Amino acid sequence: MSTETGHIDRQGKKMGMWFFLFTEILFFGGMFLLYSIFRSKYAQDFHRGAAGENLLLGTINTVILLTSSYTIALSVSAIRKGKKLLSSRLQAVTIVMGLAFLTIKYFEWDAKIALGLYPDSPILLKLGKGEILFFGLYYVMTGLHGLHVLAGCVVIAFMLSFTLVGTINREKYARLENTGLYWHFVDIVWIYLYPLFYLVT
């Protein structure tokens, strides 16, 4: 494949990824809009709901995802320079951090469920309507985001295997580059979710 053809191929794949991410932006954007509407209507209830969130764990998860966004970017840069082993290690580190994020989120969910704060629970239904909506949105939005993180970890695992066998290399790295774009998108979504659920005032 010529350099020009390879460039066109990468550009085509990147455009396809951007289109996919645009649909994802619309999807999450709709939920953010819904959150904003309910937040403005039940401001005090949302504040009370957020007061029970574990700010420390939420902050740790934010740092983890931001760092993972850096490592996946470095992995793309490494493969473009022909540094296969370094790129592979950085991809593996990104996967580990993604799994660490999910593990922390699991413990957060588990703590809430132990307190009876889950959809349609007797305890939750005794709270104000705004708090019910807050926790409902919390589970839906962080749950969907968690699924995206899990999907990202799986895709990066495939990219890691392709890198190790040489399918992804310094000439052919479009798939890894697109995976990096997806992972950055997942991180950006969390950057919005973090203040909405942990820093509500």
C-alpha atoms as a PDB file:
ATOM      1  CA  MET A   1       0.000   0.000   0.000  1.00  0.00           C
ATOM      2  CA  SER A   2       1.419   3.406  -0.962  1.00  0.00           C
ATOM      3  CA  THR A   3       1.849   6.180   1.583  1.00  0.00           C
ATOM      4  CA  GLU A   4      -0.877   8.224  -0.111  1.00  0.00           C
ATOM      5  CA  THR A   5      -3.316   5.292  -0.126  1.00  0.00           C
ATOM      6  CA  GLY A   6      -2.551   4.553   3.529  1.00  0.00           C
ATOM      7  CA  HIS A   7      -3.196   8.176   4.424  1.00  0.00           C
ATOM      8  CA  ILE A   8      -6.561   8.154   2.637  1.00  0.00           C
ATOM      9  CA  ASP A   9      -7.469   4.889   4.384  1.00  0.00           C
ATOM     10  CA  ARG A  10      -6.636   6.347   7.813  1.00  0.00           C
ATOM     11  CA  GLN A  11      -8.620   9.486   7.063  1.00  0.00           C
ATOM     12  CA  GLY A  12     -11.624   7.446   5.969  1.00  0.00           C
ATOM     13  CA  LYS A  13     -11.549   5.331   9.121  1.00  0.00           C
ATOM     14  CA  LYS A  14     -11.138   8.426  11.277  1.00  0.00           C
ATOM     15  CA  MET A  15     -14.153  10.080   9.633  1.00  0.00           C
ATOM     16  CA  GLY A  16     -16.168   6.947  10.348  1.00  0.00           C
ATOM     17  CA  MET A  17     -15.125   7.058  13.996  1.00  0.00           C
ATOM     18  CA  TRP A  18     -16.007  10.746  14.279  1.00  0.00           C
ATOM     19  CA  PHE A  19     -19.470  10.008  12.872  1.00  0.00           C
ATOM     20  CA  PHE A  20     -19.921   7.245  15.453  1.00  0.00           C
ATOM     21  CA  LEU A  21     -18.780   9.557  18.231  1.00  0.00           C
ATOM     22  CA  PHE A  22     -21.216  12.214  17.020  1.00  0.00           C
ATOM     23  CA  THR A  23     -24.107   9.786  17.530  1.00  0.00           C
ATOM     24  CA  GLU A  24     -22.750   9.029  20.997  1.00  0.00           C
ATOM     25  CA  ILE A  25     -22.581  12.757  21.770  1.00  0.00           C
ATOM     26  CA  LEU A  26     -26.233  13.096  20.797  1.00  0.00           C
ATOM     27  CA  PHE A  27     -27.103  10.129  23.020  1.00  0.00           C
ATOM     28  CA  PHE A  28     -25.335  11.411  26.120  1.00  0.00           C
ATOM     29  CA  GLY A  29     -26.283  14.989  25.283  1.00  0.00           C
ATOM     30  CA  GLY A  30     -29.950  14.056  25.588  1.00  0.00           C
ATOM     31  CA  MET A  31     -29.349  12.657  29.061  1.00  0.00           C
ATOM     32  CA  PHE A  32     -27.369  15.718  30.116  1.00  0.00           C
ATOM     33  CA  LEU A  33     -30.270  17.879  28.948  1.00  0.00           C
ATOM     34  CA  LEU A  34     -32.711  15.766  30.943  1.00  0.00           C
ATOM     35  CA  TYR A  35     -30.477  16.096  33.998  1.00  0.00           C
ATOM     36  CA  SER A  36     -30.363  19.876  33.590  1.00  0.00           C
ATOM     37  CA  ILE A  37     -34.144  20.141  33.404  1.00  0.00           C
ATOM     38  CA  PHE A  38     -34.706  18.091  36.558  1.00  0.00           C
ATOM     39  CA  ARG A  39     -31.777  19.771  38.317  1.00  0.00           C
ATOM     40  CA  SER A  40     -33.312  23.208  37.783  1.00  0.00           C
ATOM     41  CA  LYS A  41     -36.695  21.988  39.023  1.00  0.00           C
ATOM     42  CA  TYR A  42     -35.461  20.075  42.092  1.00  0.00           C
ATOM     43  CA  ALA A  43     -32.241  21.898  42.990  1.00  0.00           C
ATOM     44  CA  GLN A  44     -32.374  21.207  46.731  1.00  0.00           C
ATOM     45  CA  ASP A  45     -33.210  17.523  46.302  1.00  0.00           C
ATOM     46  CA  PHE A  46     -30.318  17.109  43.862  1.00  0.00           C
ATOM     47  CA  HIS A  47     -28.024  18.819  46.353  1.00  0.00           C
ATOM     48  CA  ARG A  48     -29.104  16.409  49.095  1.00  0.00           C
ATOM     49  CA  GLY A  49     -28.624  13.446  46.789  1.00  0.00           C
ATOM     50  CA  ALA A  50     -25.115  14.539  45.816  1.00  0.00           C
ATOM     51  CA  ALA A  51     -24.191  15.130  49.473  1.00  0.00           C
ATOM     52  CA  GLY A  52     -24.198  11.356  49.968  1.00  0.00           C
ATOM     53  CA  GLU A  53     -21.785  10.679  47.112  1.00  0.00           C
ATOM     54  CA  ASN A  54     -18.256   9.512  47.882  1.00  0.00           C
ATOM     55  CA  LEU A  55     -16.255  12.497  46.656  1.00  0.00           C
ATOM     56  CA  LEU A  56     -12.904  10.809  47.326  1.00  0.00           C
ATOM     57  CA  LEU A  57     -13.688   7.772  45.165  1.00  0.00           C
ATOM     58  CA  GLY A  58     -15.185   9.963  42.463  1.00  0.00           C
ATOM     59  CA  THR A  59     -12.047  12.088  42.418  1.00  0.00           C
ATOM     60  CA  ILE A  60      -9.767   9.049  42.316  1.00  0.00           C
ATOM     61  CA  ASN A  61     -11.732   7.688  39.366  1.00  0.00           C
ATOM     62  CA  THR A  62     -11.407  11.033  37.603  1.00  0.00           C
ATOM     63  CA  VAL A  63      -7.632  10.975  38.021  1.00  0.00           C
ATOM     64  CA  ILE A  64      -7.530   7.362  36.795  1.00  0.00           C
ATOM     65  CA  LEU A  65      -9.450   8.118  33.606  1.00  0.00           C
ATOM     66  CA  LEU A  66      -7.496  11.277  32.844  1.00  0.00           C
ATOM     67  CA  THR A  67      -4.249   9.339  33.261  1.00  0.00           C
ATOM     68  CA  SER A  68      -5.550   6.507  31.075  1.00  0.00           C
ATOM     69  CA  SER A  69      -6.370   9.025  28.355  1.00  0.00           C
ATOM     70  CA  TYR A  70      -2.725  10.097  28.472  1.00  0.00           C
ATOM     71  CA  THR A  71      -1.389   6.533  28.285  1.00  0.00           C
ATOM     72  CA  ILE A  72      -3.546   5.597  25.278  1.00  0.00           C
ATOM     73  CA  ALA A  73      -2.364   8.759  23.502  1.00  0.00           C
ATOM     74  CA  LEU A  74       1.240   7.824  24.271  1.00  0.00           C
ATOM     75  CA  SER A  75       0.626   4.319  22.909  1.00  0.00           C
ATOM     76  CA  VAL A  76      -0.481   5.762  19.555  1.00  0.00           C
ATOM     77  CA  SER A  77       2.548   8.037  19.490  1.00  0.00           C
ATOM     78  CA  ALA A  78       4.819   5.089  20.306  1.00  0.00           C
ATOM     79  CA  ILE A  79       3.497   2.839  17.528  1.00  0.00           C
ATOM     80  CA  ARG A  80       3.861   5.667  15.014  1.00  0.00           C
ATOM     81  CA  LYS A  81       7.544   5.733  15.953  1.00  0.00           C
ATOM     82  CA  GLY A  82       7.805   1.974  15.569  1.00  0.00           C
ATOM     83  CA  LYS A  83       8.077   1.322  19.312  1.00  0.00           C
ATOM     84  CA  LYS A  84       5.928  -1.789  19.415  1.00  0.00           C
ATOM     85  CA  LEU A  85       6.814  -2.961  22.924  1.00  0.00           C
ATOM     86  CA  LEU A  86       6.295   0.466  24.493  1.00  0.00           C
ATOM     87  CA  SER A  87       2.967   0.887  22.729  1.00  0.00           C
ATOM     88  CA  SER A  88       1.847  -2.553  23.908  1.00  0.00           C
ATOM     89  CA  ARG A  89       2.763  -1.795  27.508  1.00  0.00           C
ATOM     90  CA  LEU A  90       0.933   1.528  27.430  1.00  0.00           C
ATOM     91  CA  GLN A  91      -2.170  -0.155  26.033  1.00  0.00           C
ATOM     92  CA  ALA A  92      -1.996  -2.750  28.821  1.00  0.00           C
ATOM     93  CA  VAL A  93      -1.675   0.023  31.423  1.00  0.00           C
ATOM     94  CA  THR A  94      -4.731   1.737  29.931  1.00  0.00           C
ATOM     95  CA  ILE A  95      -6.751  -1.470  30.253  1.00  0.00           C
ATOM     96  CA  VAL A  96      -5.677  -1.900  33.871  1.00  0.00           C
ATOM     97  CA  MET A  97      -6.726   1.648  34.693  1.00  0.00           C
ATOM     98  CA  GLY A  98     -10.068   1.146  32.954  1.00  0.00           C
ATOM     99  CA  LEU A  99     -10.682  -1.968  35.040  1.00  0.00           C
ATOM    100  CA  ALA A 100      -9.602  -0.095  38.173  1.00  0.00           C
ATOM    101  CA  PHE A 101     -12.191   2.570  37.370  1.00  0.00           C
ATOM    102  CA  LEU A 102     -14.913  -0.074  37.019  1.00  0.00           C
ATOM    103  CA  THR A 103     -13.856  -1.765  40.257  1.00  0.00           C
ATOM    104  CA  ILE A 104     -14.143   1.487  42.203  1.00  0.00           C
ATOM    105  CA  LYS A 105     -17.494   2.200  40.600  1.00  0.00           C
ATOM    106  CA  TYR A 106     -18.665  -1.285  41.613  1.00  0.00           C
ATOM    107  CA  PHE A 107     -17.853  -0.564  45.262  1.00  0.00           C
ATOM    108  CA  GLU A 108     -19.678   2.765  45.019  1.00  0.00           C
ATOM    109  CA  TRP A 109     -22.786   1.093  43.650  1.00  0.00           C
ATOM    110  CA  ASP A 110     -22.532  -1.697  46.220  1.00  0.00           C
ATOM    111  CA  ALA A 111     -22.380   0.831  49.080  1.00  0.00           C
ATOM    112  CA  LYS A 112     -25.493   2.606  47.808  1.00  0.00           C
ATOM    113  CA  ILE A 113     -27.404  -0.632  47.340  1.00  0.00           C
ATOM    114  CA  ALA A 114     -26.452  -1.682  50.880  1.00  0.00           C
ATOM    115  CA  LEU A 115     -28.066   1.543  52.112  1.00  0.00           C
ATOM    116  CA  GLY A 116     -31.211   0.776  50.154  1.00  0.00           C
ATOM    117  CA  LEU A 117     -30.610   3.550  47.639  1.00  0.00           C
ATOM    118  CA  TYR A 118     -31.461   1.817  44.378  1.00  0.00           C
ATOM    119  CA  PRO A 119     -34.337   2.256  41.891  1.00  0.00           C
ATOM    120  CA  ASP A 120     -37.786   1.444  43.335  1.00  0.00           C
ATOM    121  CA  SER A 121     -36.357   0.529  46.757  1.00  0.00           C
ATOM    122  CA  PRO A 122     -38.654   1.249  49.739  1.00  0.00           C
ATOM    123  CA  ILE A 123     -36.070   3.593  51.267  1.00  0.00           C
ATOM    124  CA  LEU A 124     -35.550   5.570  48.073  1.00  0.00           C
ATOM    125  CA  LEU A 125     -39.283   5.914  47.450  1.00  0.00           C
ATOM    126  CA  LYS A 126     -39.659   7.624  50.833  1.00  0.00           C
ATOM    127  CA  LEU A 127     -37.347  10.438  49.727  1.00  0.00           C
ATOM    128  CA  GLY A 128     -38.329  13.542  47.788  1.00  0.00           C
ATOM    129  CA  LYS A 129     -39.186  13.289  44.106  1.00  0.00           C
ATOM    130  CA  GLY A 130     -36.030  15.164  43.176  1.00  0.00           C
ATOM    131  CA  GLU A 131     -33.814  12.743  45.088  1.00  0.00           C
ATOM    132  CA  ILE A 132     -35.540   9.795  43.413  1.00  0.00           C
ATOM    133  CA  LEU A 133     -34.813  11.394  40.042  1.00  0.00           C
ATOM    134  CA  PHE A 134     -31.226  12.153  41.077  1.00  0.00           C
ATOM    135  CA  PHE A 135     -30.447   8.547  41.961  1.00  0.00           C
ATOM    136  CA  GLY A 136     -32.327   7.265  38.940  1.00  0.00           C
ATOM    137  CA  LEU A 137     -30.209   9.433  36.658  1.00  0.00           C
ATOM    138  CA  TYR A 138     -27.093   8.472  38.622  1.00  0.00           C
ATOM    139  CA  TYR A 139     -27.595   4.773  37.993  1.00  0.00           C
ATOM    140  CA  VAL A 140     -28.587   5.194  34.348  1.00  0.00           C
ATOM    141  CA  MET A 141     -25.866   7.651  33.361  1.00  0.00           C
ATOM    142  CA  THR A 142     -22.968   6.161  35.323  1.00  0.00           C
ATOM    143  CA  GLY A 143     -24.133   2.674  34.366  1.00  0.00           C
ATOM    144  CA  LEU A 144     -24.148   3.470  30.650  1.00  0.00           C
ATOM    145  CA  HIS A 145     -20.794   5.181  31.004  1.00  0.00           C
ATOM    146  CA  GLY A 146     -19.449   2.112  32.791  1.00  0.00           C
ATOM    147  CA  LEU A 147     -20.590  -0.069  29.896  1.00  0.00           C
ATOM    148  CA  HIS A 148     -18.710   2.226  27.527  1.00  0.00           C
ATOM    149  CA  VAL A 149     -15.586   1.916  29.682  1.00  0.00           C
ATOM    150  CA  LEU A 150     -15.916  -1.877  29.659  1.00  0.00           C
ATOM    151  CA  ALA A 151     -16.390  -1.894  25.884  1.00  0.00           C
ATOM    152  CA  GLY A 152     -13.334   0.330  25.558  1.00  0.00           C
ATOM    153  CA  CYS A 153     -11.238  -2.070  27.637  1.00  0.00           C
ATOM    154  CA  VAL A 154     -12.300  -4.974  25.413  1.00  0.00           C
ATOM    155  CA  VAL A 155     -11.477  -3.058  22.225  1.00  0.00           C
ATOM    156  CA  ILE A 156      -8.094  -1.953  23.576  1.00  0.00           C
ATOM    157  CA  ALA A 157      -7.384  -5.594  24.466  1.00  0.00           C
ATOM    158  CA  PHE A 158      -7.963  -6.492  20.811  1.00  0.00           C
ATOM    159  CA  MET A 159      -5.719  -3.612  19.722  1.00  0.00           C
ATOM    160  CA  LEU A 160      -3.050  -4.903  22.103  1.00  0.00           C
ATOM    161  CA  SER A 161      -3.194  -8.358  20.538  1.00  0.00           C
ATOM    162  CA  PHE A 162      -3.032  -6.835  17.036  1.00  0.00           C
ATOM    163  CA  THR A 163      -0.021  -4.770  18.075  1.00  0.00           C
ATOM    164  CA  LEU A 164       1.795  -7.794  19.502  1.00  0.00           C
ATOM    165  CA  VAL A 165       1.344  -9.830  16.311  1.00  0.00           C
ATOM    166  CA  GLY A 166       2.306  -6.880  14.111  1.00  0.00           C
ATOM    167  CA  THR A 167      -1.072  -6.253  12.475  1.00  0.00           C
ATOM    168  CA  ILE A 168      -0.903  -2.775  13.980  1.00  0.00           C
ATOM    169  CA  ASN A 169       2.448  -1.177  13.242  1.00  0.00           C
ATOM    170  CA  ARG A 170       4.054   2.150  12.342  1.00  0.00           C
ATOM    171  CA  GLU A 171       2.433   2.077   8.882  1.00  0.00           C
ATOM    172  CA  LYS A 172      -0.957   0.686   9.904  1.00  0.00           C
ATOM    173  CA  TYR A 173      -2.202   2.173  13.140  1.00  0.00           C
ATOM    174  CA  ALA A 174      -5.608   3.650  12.196  1.00  0.00           C
ATOM    175  CA  ARG A 175      -7.518   1.161  14.363  1.00  0.00           C
ATOM    176  CA  LEU A 176      -5.461   1.998  17.418  1.00  0.00           C
ATOM    177  CA  GLU A 177      -5.811   5.708  16.694  1.00  0.00           C
ATOM    178  CA  ASN A 178      -9.605   5.385  16.447  1.00  0.00           C
ATOM    179  CA  THR A 179      -9.687   3.369  19.645  1.00  0.00           C
ATOM    180  CA  GLY A 180      -7.806   6.223  21.287  1.00  0.00           C
ATOM    181  CA  LEU A 181     -10.438   8.684  20.066  1.00  0.00           C
ATOM    182  CA  TYR A 182     -13.174   6.529  21.548  1.00  0.00           C
ATOM    183  CA  TRP A 183     -11.338   6.302  24.863  1.00  0.00           C
ATOM    184  CA  HIS A 184     -10.890  10.085  24.966  1.00  0.00           C
ATOM    185  CA  PHE A 185     -14.633  10.453  24.393  1.00  0.00           C
ATOM    186  CA  VAL A 186     -15.380   8.112  27.316  1.00  0.00           C
ATOM    187  CA  ASP A 187     -13.064  10.200  29.490  1.00  0.00           C
ATOM    188  CA  ILE A 188     -14.719  13.460  28.439  1.00  0.00           C
ATOM    189  CA  VAL A 189     -18.162  12.081  29.310  1.00  0.00           C
ATOM    190  CA  TRP A 190     -16.896  11.268  32.802  1.00  0.00           C
ATOM    191  CA  ILE A 191     -15.453  14.782  33.172  1.00  0.00           C
ATOM    192  CA  TYR A 192     -19.050  16.008  32.801  1.00  0.00           C
ATOM    193  CA  LEU A 193     -20.568  13.311  34.984  1.00  0.00           C
ATOM    194  CA  TYR A 194     -18.152  13.950  37.841  1.00  0.00           C
ATOM    195  CA  PRO A 195     -19.318  17.496  38.707  1.00  0.00           C
ATOM    196  CA  LEU A 196     -22.971  16.681  37.994  1.00  0.00           C
ATOM    197  CA  PHE A 197     -23.111  13.898  40.569  1.00  0.00           C
ATOM    198  CA  TYR A 198     -20.279  14.674  42.980  1.00  0.00           C
ATOM    199  CA  LEU A 199     -20.008  18.460  43.022  1.00  0.00           C
ATOM    200  CA  VAL A 200     -23.650  19.568  42.893  1.00  0.00           C
ATOM    201  CA  THR A 201     -24.146  22.719  44.962  1.00  0.00           C
END
